[in-house]
Amino acid sequence: IFDGPDVYSYPLGTFCGLTLPSPLRSSGSTVTLHFQSDSLVGGRGFLVDWRAVQDSGPPPTITP
């Protein structure tokens, strides 16, 4: 997941498997999801749950 309009934006994280990640917050109104699969495990796909939130103060500080 990238914090911006393309895969060259700041990465927010890489997530694999069945473990759900903690909630993420972008610095703006755009994120990019890069989905990659292989043929090793069959499954039902993926689900993204998102919501818009009111901006409440300065953007979060993200450690590189």
N, C-alpha and C. Protein backbone atom coordinates (compact mmCIF):
# COMPACT_ATOMS: atom_id res chain seq x y z
N ILE A 1 0.86 -1.16 0.00
CA ILE A 1 0.00 0.00 0.00
C ILE A 1 0.90 1.22 0.00
N PHE A 2 0.63 2.16 -0.90
CA PHE A 2 1.45 3.35 -1.06
C PHE A 2 0.62 4.60 -0.76
N ASP A 3 1.24 5.56 -0.11
CA ASP A 3 0.58 6.80 0.31
C ASP A 3 0.64 7.83 -0.80
N GLY A 4 -0.14 7.61 -1.84
CA GLY A 4 -0.16 8.53 -2.97
C GLY A 4 -0.72 7.89 -4.21
N PRO A 5 -0.55 8.56 -5.35
CA PRO A 5 -1.22 8.14 -6.58
C PRO A 5 -0.57 7.02 -7.37
N ASP A 6 0.61 6.52 -6.94
CA ASP A 6 1.27 5.47 -7.71
C ASP A 6 2.23 4.68 -6.82
N VAL A 7 2.86 3.66 -7.40
CA VAL A 7 3.77 2.79 -6.64
C VAL A 7 5.10 3.46 -6.33
N TYR A 8 5.31 4.68 -6.78
CA TYR A 8 6.51 5.45 -6.45
C TYR A 8 6.29 6.35 -5.24
N SER A 9 5.08 6.33 -4.70
CA SER A 9 4.76 7.09 -3.50
C SER A 9 5.33 6.37 -2.28
N TYR A 10 5.27 7.04 -1.12
CA TYR A 10 5.82 6.47 0.11
C TYR A 10 5.09 5.18 0.48
N PRO A 11 5.81 4.07 0.71
CA PRO A 11 5.13 2.81 1.08
C PRO A 11 4.61 2.85 2.52
N LEU A 12 3.36 2.49 2.69
CA LEU A 12 2.76 2.38 4.03
C LEU A 12 2.91 0.98 4.59
N GLY A 13 3.15 0.00 3.74
CA GLY A 13 3.35 -1.35 4.24
C GLY A 13 3.12 -2.39 3.17
N THR A 14 3.64 -3.59 3.44
CA THR A 14 3.42 -4.77 2.60
C THR A 14 2.76 -5.81 3.49
N PHE A 15 1.68 -6.40 3.01
CA PHE A 15 0.90 -7.31 3.84
C PHE A 15 0.64 -8.60 3.07
N CYS A 16 0.85 -9.72 3.76
CA CYS A 16 0.70 -11.03 3.14
C CYS A 16 -0.02 -11.97 4.11
N GLY A 17 -0.65 -12.97 3.56
CA GLY A 17 -1.26 -14.01 4.38
C GLY A 17 -2.62 -13.64 4.92
N LEU A 18 -3.00 -14.32 5.99
CA LEU A 18 -4.34 -14.17 6.55
C LEU A 18 -4.42 -13.19 7.71
N THR A 19 -3.28 -12.68 8.17
CA THR A 19 -3.28 -11.75 9.29
C THR A 19 -3.70 -10.36 8.83
N LEU A 20 -4.70 -9.79 9.48
CA LEU A 20 -5.15 -8.46 9.13
C LEU A 20 -4.16 -7.41 9.64
N PRO A 21 -3.85 -6.42 8.81
CA PRO A 21 -2.96 -5.36 9.28
C PRO A 21 -3.71 -4.40 10.20
N SER A 22 -2.95 -3.63 10.96
CA SER A 22 -3.55 -2.57 11.77
C SER A 22 -4.10 -1.51 10.83
N PRO A 23 -5.06 -0.71 11.29
CA PRO A 23 -5.57 0.37 10.44
C PRO A 23 -4.44 1.31 10.00
N LEU A 24 -4.52 1.77 8.76
CA LEU A 24 -3.54 2.69 8.20
C LEU A 24 -4.22 4.02 7.93
N ARG A 25 -3.44 5.09 7.94
CA ARG A 25 -3.97 6.41 7.61
C ARG A 25 -3.05 7.06 6.60
N SER A 26 -3.62 7.51 5.51
CA SER A 26 -2.83 8.18 4.48
C SER A 26 -2.67 9.66 4.82
N SER A 27 -1.72 10.30 4.17
CA SER A 27 -1.50 11.72 4.42
C SER A 27 -2.39 12.59 3.55
N GLY A 28 -3.09 11.99 2.60
CA GLY A 28 -3.95 12.75 1.69
C GLY A 28 -5.15 11.93 1.28
N SER A 29 -5.69 12.25 0.13
CA SER A 29 -6.92 11.60 -0.31
C SER A 29 -6.68 10.46 -1.29
N THR A 30 -5.43 10.07 -1.51
CA THR A 30 -5.13 9.03 -2.49
C THR A 30 -4.18 7.99 -1.91
N VAL A 31 -4.49 6.72 -2.11
CA VAL A 31 -3.55 5.63 -1.83
C VAL A 31 -3.56 4.71 -3.04
N THR A 32 -2.49 3.94 -3.19
CA THR A 32 -2.39 2.97 -4.28
C THR A 32 -2.19 1.58 -3.68
N LEU A 33 -3.00 0.65 -4.14
CA LEU A 33 -2.86 -0.75 -3.73
C LEU A 33 -2.24 -1.51 -4.89
N HIS A 34 -1.14 -2.17 -4.63
CA HIS A 34 -0.48 -3.01 -5.63
C HIS A 34 -0.71 -4.45 -5.20
N PHE A 35 -1.56 -5.16 -5.93
CA PHE A 35 -1.91 -6.53 -5.58
C PHE A 35 -1.08 -7.49 -6.42
N GLN A 36 -0.44 -8.44 -5.76
CA GLN A 36 0.35 -9.45 -6.47
C GLN A 36 -0.01 -10.82 -5.92
N SER A 37 -0.26 -11.76 -6.81
CA SER A 37 -0.64 -13.10 -6.41
C SER A 37 0.27 -14.12 -7.10
N ASP A 38 0.18 -15.35 -6.64
CA ASP A 38 0.90 -16.43 -7.30
C ASP A 38 -0.04 -17.63 -7.41
N SER A 39 0.45 -18.73 -7.93
CA SER A 39 -0.40 -19.90 -8.13
C SER A 39 -0.21 -20.95 -7.03
N LEU A 40 0.48 -20.58 -5.94
CA LEU A 40 0.76 -21.57 -4.90
C LEU A 40 -0.43 -21.86 -4.00
N VAL A 41 -1.24 -20.86 -3.72
CA VAL A 41 -2.37 -21.03 -2.81
C VAL A 41 -3.64 -20.52 -3.49
N GLY A 42 -4.67 -21.34 -3.47
CA GLY A 42 -5.95 -20.91 -4.01
C GLY A 42 -6.75 -20.22 -2.92
N GLY A 43 -7.47 -19.19 -3.28
CA GLY A 43 -8.25 -18.47 -2.28
C GLY A 43 -9.36 -17.68 -2.92
N ARG A 44 -10.02 -16.90 -2.09
CA ARG A 44 -11.19 -16.16 -2.55
C ARG A 44 -10.87 -14.72 -2.91
N GLY A 45 -9.62 -14.30 -2.86
CA GLY A 45 -9.29 -12.93 -3.23
C GLY A 45 -8.95 -12.10 -2.02
N PHE A 46 -9.35 -10.82 -2.05
CA PHE A 46 -9.04 -9.93 -0.95
C PHE A 46 -10.17 -8.95 -0.75
N LEU A 47 -10.16 -8.30 0.39
CA LEU A 47 -11.20 -7.33 0.74
C LEU A 47 -10.52 -6.09 1.31
N VAL A 48 -10.92 -4.94 0.83
CA VAL A 48 -10.42 -3.67 1.36
C VAL A 48 -11.59 -2.94 1.98
N ASP A 49 -11.41 -2.52 3.22
CA ASP A 49 -12.42 -1.73 3.92
C ASP A 49 -11.81 -0.36 4.16
N TRP A 50 -12.44 0.70 3.68
CA TRP A 50 -11.88 2.04 3.85
C TRP A 50 -12.98 3.01 4.25
N ARG A 51 -12.55 4.11 4.82
CA ARG A 51 -13.50 5.18 5.14
C ARG A 51 -12.76 6.50 5.16
N ALA A 52 -13.48 7.55 4.83
CA ALA A 52 -12.93 8.91 4.90
C ALA A 52 -13.11 9.41 6.33
N VAL A 53 -12.10 10.10 6.82
CA VAL A 53 -12.17 10.66 8.17
C VAL A 53 -11.89 12.16 8.10
N GLN A 54 -12.43 12.88 9.04
CA GLN A 54 -12.20 14.32 9.12
C GLN A 54 -10.75 14.56 9.52
N ASP A 55 -10.08 15.45 8.82
CA ASP A 55 -8.70 15.80 9.16
C ASP A 55 -8.72 16.54 10.49
N SER A 56 -7.91 16.04 11.42
CA SER A 56 -7.91 16.66 12.75
C SER A 56 -6.49 17.03 13.16
N GLY A 57 -5.98 18.07 12.57
CA GLY A 57 -4.65 18.54 12.92
C GLY A 57 -3.62 18.24 11.87
N PRO A 58 -2.34 18.33 12.25
CA PRO A 58 -1.27 18.12 11.27
C PRO A 58 -1.21 16.68 10.82
N PRO A 59 -0.67 16.43 9.60
CA PRO A 59 -0.57 15.05 9.14
C PRO A 59 0.34 14.24 10.04
N PRO A 60 0.12 12.92 10.08
CA PRO A 60 0.96 12.07 10.94
C PRO A 60 2.40 12.07 10.48
N THR A 61 3.31 11.91 11.41
CA THR A 61 4.73 11.79 11.08
C THR A 61 5.02 10.33 10.78
N ILE A 62 5.57 10.08 9.62
CA ILE A 62 5.87 8.72 9.20
C ILE A 62 7.38 8.56 9.19
N THR A 63 7.89 7.64 9.98
CA THR A 63 9.33 7.40 10.03
C THR A 63 9.75 6.65 8.78
N PRO A 64 10.77 7.14 8.06
CA PRO A 64 11.22 6.43 6.83
C PRO A 64 11.72 5.04 7.15
